[in-house]
């Protein structure tokens, strides 16, 4: 379960939509699974 602030629902839903789209990419998923630290995860998402 993921929660977000009530006063920023639109922004929250946009972010959730982008994350969902990113996770559907098989190459990105593989790279996320072998990421060794949070910085690598952020770098992968910044490229998407």
PDB file of N, CA and C in Angstrom:
ATOM      1  N   UNK A   1       0.846  -1.170   0.000  1.00  0.00           N
ATOM      2  CA  UNK A   1       0.000   0.000   0.000  1.00  0.00           C
ATOM      3  C   UNK A   1       0.901   1.246   0.000  1.00  0.00           C
ATOM      4  N   UNK A   2       0.504   2.226  -0.795  1.00  0.00           N
ATOM      5  CA  UNK A   2       1.236   3.485  -0.876  1.00  0.00           C
ATOM      6  C   UNK A   2       0.265   4.608  -0.553  1.00  0.00           C
ATOM      7  N   UNK A   3       0.696   5.527   0.258  1.00  0.00           N
ATOM      8  CA  UNK A   3      -0.149   6.650   0.622  1.00  0.00           C
ATOM      9  C   UNK A   3       0.481   7.960   0.215  1.00  0.00           C
ATOM     10  N   UNK A   4      -0.347   8.976   0.149  1.00  0.00           N
ATOM     11  CA  UNK A   4       0.134  10.302  -0.206  1.00  0.00           C
ATOM     12  C   UNK A   4      -0.690  11.354   0.488  1.00  0.00           C
ATOM     13  N   UNK A   5      -0.209  12.584   0.479  1.00  0.00           N
ATOM     14  CA  UNK A   5      -0.924  13.666   1.156  1.00  0.00           C
ATOM     15  C   UNK A   5      -2.247  14.000   0.467  1.00  0.00           C
ATOM     16  N   UNK A   6      -3.244  14.274   1.267  1.00  0.00           N
ATOM     17  CA  UNK A   6      -4.575  14.575   0.735  1.00  0.00           C
ATOM     18  C   UNK A   6      -4.605  15.856  -0.094  1.00  0.00           C
ATOM     19  N   UNK A   7      -3.769  16.817   0.245  1.00  0.00           N
ATOM     20  CA  UNK A   7      -3.801  18.106  -0.449  1.00  0.00           C
ATOM     21  C   UNK A   7      -2.977  18.126  -1.738  1.00  0.00           C
ATOM     22  N   UNK A   8      -2.352  16.983  -2.105  1.00  0.00           N
ATOM     23  CA  UNK A   8      -1.537  16.930  -3.319  1.00  0.00           C
ATOM     24  C   UNK A   8      -1.849  15.664  -4.119  1.00  0.00           C
ATOM     25  N   UNK A   9      -3.114  15.331  -4.215  1.00  0.00           N
ATOM     26  CA  UNK A   9      -3.513  14.094  -4.871  1.00  0.00           C
ATOM     27  C   UNK A   9      -3.153  14.056  -6.353  1.00  0.00           C
ATOM     28  N   UNK A  10      -3.292  15.154  -7.054  1.00  0.00           N
ATOM     29  CA  UNK A  10      -2.991  15.176  -8.486  1.00  0.00           C
ATOM     30  C   UNK A  10      -1.507  14.888  -8.716  1.00  0.00           C
ATOM     31  N   UNK A  11      -0.653  15.566  -7.975  1.00  0.00           N
ATOM     32  CA  UNK A  11       0.788  15.355  -8.098  1.00  0.00           C
ATOM     33  C   UNK A  11       1.148  13.916  -7.727  1.00  0.00           C
ATOM     34  N   UNK A  12       0.557  13.424  -6.670  1.00  0.00           N
ATOM     35  CA  UNK A  12       0.796  12.065  -6.211  1.00  0.00           C
ATOM     36  C   UNK A  12       0.417  11.052  -7.292  1.00  0.00           C
ATOM     37  N   UNK A  13      -0.731  11.231  -7.924  1.00  0.00           N
ATOM     38  CA  UNK A  13      -1.181  10.303  -8.954  1.00  0.00           C
ATOM     39  C   UNK A  13      -0.295  10.359 -10.200  1.00  0.00           C
ATOM     40  N   UNK A  14       0.219  11.534 -10.525  1.00  0.00           N
ATOM     41  CA  UNK A  14       1.128  11.660 -11.663  1.00  0.00           C
ATOM     42  C   UNK A  14       2.425  10.904 -11.396  1.00  0.00           C
ATOM     43  N   UNK A  15       2.956  11.045 -10.195  1.00  0.00           N
ATOM     44  CA  UNK A  15       4.184  10.334  -9.820  1.00  0.00           C
ATOM     45  C   UNK A  15       3.955   8.830  -9.827  1.00  0.00           C
ATOM     46  N   UNK A  16       2.840   8.403  -9.277  1.00  0.00           N
ATOM     47  CA  UNK A  16       2.510   6.984  -9.249  1.00  0.00           C
ATOM     48  C   UNK A  16       2.379   6.435 -10.673  1.00  0.00           C
ATOM     49  N   UNK A  17       1.782   7.191 -11.565  1.00  0.00           N
ATOM     50  CA  UNK A  17       1.644   6.783 -12.957  1.00  0.00           C
ATOM     51  C   UNK A  17       3.009   6.631 -13.625  1.00  0.00           C
ATOM     52  N   UNK A  18       3.911   7.589 -13.388  1.00  0.00           N
ATOM     53  CA  UNK A  18       5.256   7.505 -13.956  1.00  0.00           C
ATOM     54  C   UNK A  18       6.014   6.300 -13.425  1.00  0.00           C
ATOM     55  N   UNK A  19       5.902   6.036 -12.136  1.00  0.00           N
ATOM     56  CA  UNK A  19       6.564   4.872 -11.548  1.00  0.00           C
ATOM     57  C   UNK A  19       6.029   3.576 -12.136  1.00  0.00           C
ATOM     58  N   UNK A  20       4.725   3.505 -12.314  1.00  0.00           N
ATOM     59  CA  UNK A  20       4.111   2.313 -12.887  1.00  0.00           C
ATOM     60  C   UNK A  20       4.606   2.090 -14.317  1.00  0.00           C
ATOM     61  N   UNK A  21       4.681   3.137 -15.085  1.00  0.00           N
ATOM     62  CA  UNK A  21       5.182   3.026 -16.462  1.00  0.00           C
ATOM     63  C   UNK A  21       6.640   2.572 -16.478  1.00  0.00           C
ATOM     64  N   UNK A  22       7.434   3.119 -15.586  1.00  0.00           N
ATOM     65  CA  UNK A  22       8.846   2.756 -15.528  1.00  0.00           C
ATOM     66  C   UNK A  22       9.023   1.287 -15.168  1.00  0.00           C
ATOM     67  N   UNK A  23       8.278   0.812 -14.207  1.00  0.00           N
ATOM     68  CA  UNK A  23       8.411  -0.570 -13.751  1.00  0.00           C
ATOM     69  C   UNK A  23       7.979  -1.560 -14.842  1.00  0.00           C
ATOM     70  N   UNK A  24       7.156  -1.146 -15.756  1.00  0.00           N
ATOM     71  CA  UNK A  24       6.730  -2.038 -16.845  1.00  0.00           C
ATOM     72  C   UNK A  24       7.849  -2.284 -17.859  1.00  0.00           C
ATOM     73  N   UNK A  25       8.873  -1.441 -17.856  1.00  0.00           N
ATOM     74  CA  UNK A  25       9.994  -1.606 -18.777  1.00  0.00           C
ATOM     75  C   UNK A  25      10.883  -2.759 -18.288  1.00  0.00           C
ATOM     76  N   UNK A  26      10.980  -3.851 -19.067  1.00  0.00           N
ATOM     77  CA  UNK A  26      11.725  -5.026 -18.594  1.00  0.00           C
ATOM     78  C   UNK A  26      13.206  -4.754 -18.335  1.00  0.00           C
ATOM     79  N   UNK A  27      13.836  -3.915 -19.162  1.00  0.00           N
ATOM     80  CA  UNK A  27      15.257  -3.604 -18.951  1.00  0.00           C
ATOM     81  C   UNK A  27      15.471  -2.832 -17.656  1.00  0.00           C
ATOM     82  N   UNK A  28      14.604  -1.862 -17.406  1.00  0.00           N
ATOM     83  CA  UNK A  28      14.720  -1.086 -16.174  1.00  0.00           C
ATOM     84  C   UNK A  28      14.503  -1.983 -14.959  1.00  0.00           C
ATOM     85  N   UNK A  29      13.511  -2.861 -15.029  1.00  0.00           N
ATOM     86  CA  UNK A  29      13.236  -3.783 -13.919  1.00  0.00           C
ATOM     87  C   UNK A  29      14.456  -4.629 -13.588  1.00  0.00           C
ATOM     88  N   UNK A  30      15.114  -5.162 -14.614  1.00  0.00           N
ATOM     89  CA  UNK A  30      16.306  -5.981 -14.394  1.00  0.00           C
ATOM     90  C   UNK A  30      17.405  -5.175 -13.708  1.00  0.00           C
ATOM     91  N   UNK A  31      17.604  -3.955 -14.175  1.00  0.00           N
ATOM     92  CA  UNK A  31      18.643  -3.112 -13.586  1.00  0.00           C
ATOM     93  C   UNK A  31      18.309  -2.715 -12.151  1.00  0.00           C
ATOM     94  N   UNK A  32      17.024  -2.469 -11.873  1.00  0.00           N
ATOM     95  CA  UNK A  32      16.620  -2.133 -10.507  1.00  0.00           C
ATOM     96  C   UNK A  32      16.875  -3.294  -9.547  1.00  0.00           C
ATOM     97  N   UNK A  33      16.652  -4.506 -10.027  1.00  0.00           N
ATOM     98  CA  UNK A  33      16.835  -5.675  -9.173  1.00  0.00           C
ATOM     99  C   UNK A  33      18.288  -5.907  -8.776  1.00  0.00           C
ATOM    100  N   UNK A  34      19.221  -5.407  -9.568  1.00  0.00           N
ATOM    101  CA  UNK A  34      20.637  -5.596  -9.230  1.00  0.00           C
ATOM    102  C   UNK A  34      21.290  -4.317  -8.699  1.00  0.00           C
ATOM    103  N   UNK A  35      20.512  -3.260  -8.565  1.00  0.00           N
ATOM    104  CA  UNK A  35      21.052  -2.010  -8.007  1.00  0.00           C
ATOM    105  C   UNK A  35      21.563  -2.278  -6.594  1.00  0.00           C
ATOM    106  N   UNK A  36      22.709  -1.712  -6.287  1.00  0.00           N
ATOM    107  CA  UNK A  36      23.357  -1.985  -5.003  1.00  0.00           C
ATOM    108  C   UNK A  36      23.102  -0.930  -3.939  1.00  0.00           C
ATOM    109  N   UNK A  37      22.563   0.220  -4.345  1.00  0.00           N
ATOM    110  CA  UNK A  37      22.313   1.265  -3.360  1.00  0.00           C
ATOM    111  C   UNK A  37      21.231   2.220  -3.881  1.00  0.00           C
ATOM    112  N   UNK A  38      20.691   3.035  -2.998  1.00  0.00           N
ATOM    113  CA  UNK A  38      19.625   3.964  -3.405  1.00  0.00           C
ATOM    114  C   UNK A  38      20.044   4.936  -4.509  1.00  0.00           C
ATOM    115  N   UNK A  39      21.298   5.334  -4.522  1.00  0.00           N
ATOM    116  CA  UNK A  39      21.764   6.266  -5.550  1.00  0.00           C
ATOM    117  C   UNK A  39      21.640   5.649  -6.945  1.00  0.00           C
ATOM    118  N   UNK A  40      21.932   4.363  -7.057  1.00  0.00           N
ATOM    119  CA  UNK A  40      21.797   3.690  -8.351  1.00  0.00           C
ATOM    120  C   UNK A  40      20.330   3.629  -8.778  1.00  0.00           C
ATOM    121  N   UNK A  41      19.444   3.393  -7.839  1.00  0.00           N
ATOM    122  CA  UNK A  41      18.010   3.354  -8.143  1.00  0.00           C
ATOM    123  C   UNK A  41      17.553   4.720  -8.651  1.00  0.00           C
ATOM    124  N   UNK A  42      17.947   5.775  -7.964  1.00  0.00           N
ATOM    125  CA  UNK A  42      17.572   7.124  -8.396  1.00  0.00           C
ATOM    126  C   UNK A  42      18.131   7.449  -9.776  1.00  0.00           C
ATOM    127  N   UNK A  43      19.353   7.025 -10.036  1.00  0.00           N
ATOM    128  CA  UNK A  43      19.972   7.255 -11.342  1.00  0.00           C
ATOM    129  C   UNK A  43      19.188   6.538 -12.438  1.00  0.00           C
ATOM    130  N   UNK A  44      18.768   5.321 -12.184  1.00  0.00           N
ATOM    131  CA  UNK A  44      17.990   4.570 -13.165  1.00  0.00           C
ATOM    132  C   UNK A  44      16.655   5.252 -13.455  1.00  0.00           C
ATOM    133  N   UNK A  45      15.982   5.721 -12.419  1.00  0.00           N
ATOM    134  CA  UNK A  45      14.709   6.389 -12.633  1.00  0.00           C
ATOM    135  C   UNK A  45      14.896   7.739 -13.328  1.00  0.00           C
ATOM    136  N   UNK A  46      16.004   8.400 -13.093  1.00  0.00           N
ATOM    137  CA  UNK A  46      16.216   9.707 -13.723  1.00  0.00           C
ATOM    138  C   UNK A  46      16.426   9.568 -15.236  1.00  0.00           C
ATOM    139  N   UNK A  47      16.858   8.399 -15.683  1.00  0.00           N
ATOM    140  CA  UNK A  47      17.064   8.162 -17.116  1.00  0.00           C
ATOM    141  C   UNK A  47      15.775   7.801 -17.828  1.00  0.00           C
ATOM    142  N   UNK A  48      14.751   7.381 -17.096  1.00  0.00           N
ATOM    143  CA  UNK A  48      13.533   6.892 -17.709  1.00  0.00           C
ATOM    144  C   UNK A  48      12.703   8.020 -18.251  1.00  0.00           C
TER     145      UNK A  48
END
